[in-house]
Amino acid sequence: MSDELPDLRASDADRERVAEQLRDALAEGRLDMAEFEERLDATYKARTYGELAPLTRDLPAHGAKVSVVKSPASDDPAAIDWDERMVTGEPSSTFGFAVWSGFNRKGGWVVGRQFTGFALWGGGEIDLREARFAERDVEIRCFTIMGGLHVTVPPDMTVVVKGFGLMGGFDDKATGEGTPGSPRVVVKGFALMGGVGVDRKRRRADRLRKKLT
């Protein structure tokens, strides 16, 4: 939750993210049951970010390693208007498959509630920097066997990485909160003798535009 926008109204998704942090803290022994119940009750009664922020200020973010993304200034030319990115209709694609080959999803494609990528001795690229979204809660499922998948997200998107690797790697450094209104993207799955990378990166056009302002 952003301390810079305490009066901004919280959504159901915002409250659920806080509830997930509290459940993690209870499981890890950071909170006892009484503290957990008290904070959880306050979470579901909260109406603004300012009411939610104190409930998790002394706790690690859900998903462990966290890179907090601060809200960009309103006059930042590279800032994303998330409302404009939300669309109605069917997703452009729900599946990417690569066997001794590759696939990519990039540009202004429409992302639905779930997208699954699979790579066997191949690779795939899933780029969300220019994507539009039919849902605010998105699940990207990544499975690799001696292959690689790479997910690229803009810096101001809310991301949770939950995957794991077996004799491989599942990079979770991109986990962190985005700006208000951002879709919540959960990247999960597994990498067997392969790898899944998740990076935050601005579009080249946005980087150039920011340099010129």
Protein backbone atom coordinates (compact mmCIF):
# COMPACT_ATOMS: atom_id res chain seq x y z
CA MET A 1 0.00 0.00 0.00
CA SER A 2 1.24 3.47 -0.83
CA ASP A 3 1.70 5.93 2.05
CA GLU A 4 1.67 8.74 -0.50
CA LEU A 5 -2.03 8.31 -1.33
CA PRO A 6 -3.64 7.65 2.07
CA ASP A 7 -7.09 8.95 1.08
CA LEU A 8 -7.39 6.84 -2.08
CA ARG A 9 -10.26 4.37 -1.81
CA ALA A 10 -9.15 0.76 -1.41
CA SER A 11 -10.58 -1.98 -3.63
CA ASP A 12 -11.58 -5.52 -2.72
CA ALA A 13 -8.37 -6.71 -4.41
CA ASP A 14 -6.31 -4.33 -2.22
CA ARG A 15 -7.93 -5.73 0.92
CA GLU A 16 -7.34 -9.30 -0.22
CA ARG A 17 -3.64 -8.62 -0.86
CA VAL A 18 -3.30 -7.34 2.72
CA ALA A 19 -5.17 -10.39 3.99
CA GLU A 20 -2.68 -12.64 2.16
CA GLN A 21 0.24 -10.85 3.85
CA LEU A 22 -1.40 -11.39 7.23
CA ARG A 23 -1.96 -15.09 6.54
CA ASP A 24 1.70 -15.46 5.57
CA ALA A 25 2.77 -13.67 8.75
CA LEU A 26 0.60 -15.96 10.88
CA ALA A 27 2.06 -19.07 9.21
CA GLU A 28 5.62 -17.77 9.75
CA GLY A 29 5.01 -16.97 13.42
CA ARG A 30 5.30 -13.20 12.98
CA LEU A 31 1.78 -12.72 14.35
CA ASP A 32 -0.06 -14.67 17.01
CA MET A 33 -3.69 -15.65 16.47
CA ALA A 34 -5.10 -12.72 18.43
CA GLU A 35 -3.04 -10.18 16.45
CA PHE A 36 -3.96 -11.89 13.18
CA GLU A 37 -7.69 -11.84 13.91
CA GLU A 38 -7.56 -8.20 14.99
CA ARG A 39 -5.69 -7.08 11.88
CA LEU A 40 -7.78 -9.23 9.54
CA ASP A 41 -10.97 -7.71 10.92
CA ALA A 42 -9.54 -4.21 10.41
CA THR A 43 -8.49 -5.17 6.86
CA TYR A 44 -11.98 -6.01 5.69
CA LYS A 45 -13.40 -2.89 7.36
CA ALA A 46 -10.79 -0.56 5.79
CA ARG A 47 -12.02 1.90 3.20
CA THR A 48 -8.78 3.67 2.19
CA TYR A 49 -5.09 2.96 1.61
CA GLY A 50 -4.33 5.00 4.71
CA GLU A 51 -6.32 2.55 6.84
CA LEU A 52 -4.68 -0.50 5.22
CA ALA A 53 -1.04 0.65 5.32
CA PRO A 54 -0.46 0.37 9.12
CA LEU A 55 -1.72 -3.22 9.16
CA THR A 56 1.29 -4.57 7.26
CA ARG A 57 3.91 -1.86 7.80
CA ASP A 58 5.95 -4.12 10.14
CA LEU A 59 5.56 -7.24 7.94
CA PRO A 60 7.39 -8.49 4.83
CA ALA A 61 5.31 -8.31 1.67
CA HIS A 62 3.46 -11.38 0.40
CA GLY A 63 5.86 -13.42 -1.73
CA ALA A 64 8.98 -12.67 0.36
CA LYS A 65 11.44 -10.68 -1.78
CA VAL A 66 9.87 -7.33 -2.53
CA SER A 67 10.69 -4.49 -4.83
CA VAL A 68 8.28 -1.69 -4.00
CA VAL A 69 7.30 0.40 -6.96
CA LYS A 70 6.39 3.96 -6.01
CA SER A 71 3.57 5.71 -7.78
CA PRO A 72 4.87 7.79 -10.69
CA ALA A 73 4.21 11.51 -10.66
CA SER A 74 0.99 12.47 -12.41
CA ASP A 75 2.96 14.45 -14.98
CA ASP A 76 5.29 11.53 -15.80
CA PRO A 77 4.81 10.95 -19.56
CA ALA A 78 5.66 7.26 -19.12
CA ALA A 79 3.03 6.64 -16.42
CA ILE A 80 0.37 4.11 -17.39
CA ASP A 81 -3.32 4.98 -17.23
CA TRP A 82 -4.59 1.59 -16.14
CA ASP A 83 -8.23 2.40 -16.76
CA GLU A 84 -7.40 2.87 -20.43
CA ARG A 85 -5.70 -0.53 -20.48
CA MET A 86 -8.84 -2.34 -19.29
CA VAL A 87 -11.01 -3.68 -22.10
CA THR A 88 -14.00 -5.94 -22.62
CA GLY A 89 -14.13 -8.99 -24.81
CA GLU A 90 -12.18 -12.20 -25.29
CA PRO A 91 -8.40 -12.47 -24.69
CA SER A 92 -6.17 -12.55 -27.76
CA SER A 93 -4.40 -15.67 -26.53
CA THR A 94 -4.55 -18.03 -23.56
CA PHE A 95 -1.71 -20.43 -24.39
CA GLY A 96 1.86 -20.40 -25.73
CA PHE A 97 3.63 -23.66 -26.67
CA ALA A 98 7.22 -24.21 -27.73
CA VAL A 99 8.88 -27.58 -28.46
CA TRP A 100 12.27 -27.16 -30.09
CA SER A 101 10.97 -23.76 -31.13
CA GLY A 102 9.75 -20.48 -29.66
CA PHE A 103 6.73 -18.27 -29.19
CA ASN A 104 6.09 -14.68 -28.16
CA ARG A 105 3.17 -12.60 -27.01
CA LYS A 106 3.87 -8.89 -27.14
CA GLY A 107 2.47 -5.55 -28.22
CA GLY A 108 -1.17 -4.63 -27.62
CA TRP A 109 -2.51 -8.14 -27.10
CA VAL A 110 -5.45 -8.71 -24.74
CA VAL A 111 -4.64 -10.70 -21.60
CA GLY A 112 -7.45 -12.68 -19.96
CA ARG A 113 -7.73 -14.13 -16.46
CA GLN A 114 -5.20 -16.87 -17.23
CA PHE A 115 -2.37 -17.47 -19.70
CA THR A 116 -0.28 -20.66 -19.79
CA GLY A 117 3.18 -20.90 -21.32
CA PHE A 118 5.03 -24.19 -21.89
CA ALA A 119 8.55 -24.66 -23.27
CA LEU A 120 10.32 -27.98 -23.91
CA TRP A 121 13.79 -27.51 -25.39
CA GLY A 122 12.52 -24.14 -26.56
CA GLY A 123 11.69 -20.65 -25.36
CA GLY A 124 8.90 -18.18 -24.99
CA GLU A 125 8.49 -14.45 -24.37
CA ILE A 126 5.46 -12.99 -22.60
CA ASP A 127 5.57 -9.19 -22.70
CA LEU A 128 2.90 -7.26 -20.77
CA ARG A 129 4.31 -3.75 -21.21
CA GLU A 130 1.83 -2.75 -23.93
CA ALA A 131 -0.82 -5.35 -23.21
CA ARG A 132 -4.47 -4.63 -22.49
CA PHE A 133 -6.37 -6.53 -19.82
CA ALA A 134 -9.82 -8.10 -19.72
CA GLU A 135 -9.42 -8.82 -15.99
CA ARG A 136 -7.70 -7.06 -13.08
CA ASP A 137 -6.56 -10.35 -11.54
CA VAL A 138 -4.34 -12.27 -13.95
CA GLU A 139 -2.51 -15.56 -13.58
CA ILE A 140 0.48 -16.32 -15.82
CA ARG A 141 1.34 -20.02 -15.57
CA CYS A 142 4.86 -20.91 -16.74
CA PHE A 143 6.16 -24.46 -17.20
CA THR A 144 9.56 -25.29 -18.65
CA ILE A 145 11.49 -28.52 -19.19
CA MET A 146 15.02 -27.83 -20.35
CA GLY A 147 13.70 -24.62 -21.83
CA GLY A 148 13.14 -21.01 -20.88
CA LEU A 149 10.30 -18.53 -20.49
CA HIS A 150 10.66 -14.81 -19.94
CA VAL A 151 7.93 -12.51 -18.60
CA THR A 152 8.40 -8.73 -18.96
CA VAL A 153 6.18 -6.32 -17.02
CA PRO A 154 6.13 -2.52 -16.73
CA PRO A 155 7.63 -1.04 -13.53
CA ASP A 156 4.27 0.18 -12.21
CA MET A 157 2.44 -3.18 -12.30
CA THR A 158 1.57 -5.24 -9.22
CA VAL A 159 3.37 -8.59 -9.53
CA VAL A 160 3.57 -11.70 -7.34
CA VAL A 161 5.94 -14.53 -8.30
CA LYS A 162 5.19 -17.93 -6.74
CA GLY A 163 6.96 -20.43 -8.99
CA PHE A 164 9.82 -22.79 -8.14
CA GLY A 165 12.69 -24.48 -9.93
CA LEU A 166 14.03 -28.04 -9.77
CA MET A 167 17.57 -28.13 -11.09
CA GLY A 168 16.54 -24.86 -12.67
CA GLY A 169 15.55 -21.34 -11.70
CA PHE A 170 12.38 -19.30 -11.15
CA ASP A 171 13.32 -15.66 -10.66
CA ASP A 172 11.13 -13.79 -8.15
CA LYS A 173 12.91 -10.42 -7.90
CA ALA A 174 10.07 -8.65 -9.75
CA THR A 175 7.57 -9.27 -6.93
CA GLY A 176 6.19 -5.96 -5.66
CA GLU A 177 3.30 -3.52 -5.52
CA GLY A 178 2.38 -1.36 -8.49
CA THR A 179 0.52 1.91 -8.83
CA PRO A 180 -3.18 2.32 -7.90
CA GLY A 181 -5.48 0.60 -10.37
CA SER A 182 -2.80 -1.75 -11.67
CA PRO A 183 -3.85 -5.29 -12.55
CA ARG A 184 -2.48 -7.89 -10.13
CA VAL A 185 -0.40 -10.39 -12.08
CA VAL A 186 0.57 -13.66 -10.39
CA VAL A 187 3.34 -15.62 -12.12
CA LYS A 188 3.45 -19.26 -11.03
CA GLY A 189 4.54 -22.68 -12.23
CA PHE A 190 7.82 -24.60 -12.27
CA ALA A 191 11.08 -24.92 -14.17
CA LEU A 192 12.68 -28.35 -14.53
CA MET A 193 16.29 -28.06 -15.71
CA GLY A 194 15.26 -24.77 -17.25
CA GLY A 195 14.42 -21.24 -16.22
CA VAL A 196 11.68 -18.66 -15.86
CA GLY A 197 12.63 -15.00 -15.62
CA VAL A 198 10.38 -12.10 -14.62
CA ASP A 199 11.70 -8.56 -15.20
CA ARG A 200 10.36 -5.04 -14.78
CA LYS A 201 11.24 -2.88 -17.75
CA ARG A 202 9.83 0.19 -19.48
CA ARG A 203 9.17 0.22 -23.19
CA ARG A 204 11.99 1.73 -25.23
CA ALA A 205 9.62 4.48 -26.41
CA ASP A 206 8.79 5.37 -22.79
CA ARG A 207 12.47 5.54 -21.82
CA LEU A 208 13.24 7.85 -24.73
CA ARG A 209 10.20 10.05 -24.00
CA LYS A 210 11.21 10.38 -20.35
CA LYS A 211 14.73 11.46 -21.34
CA LEU A 212 13.31 14.21 -23.54
CA THR A 213 11.10 15.72 -20.81
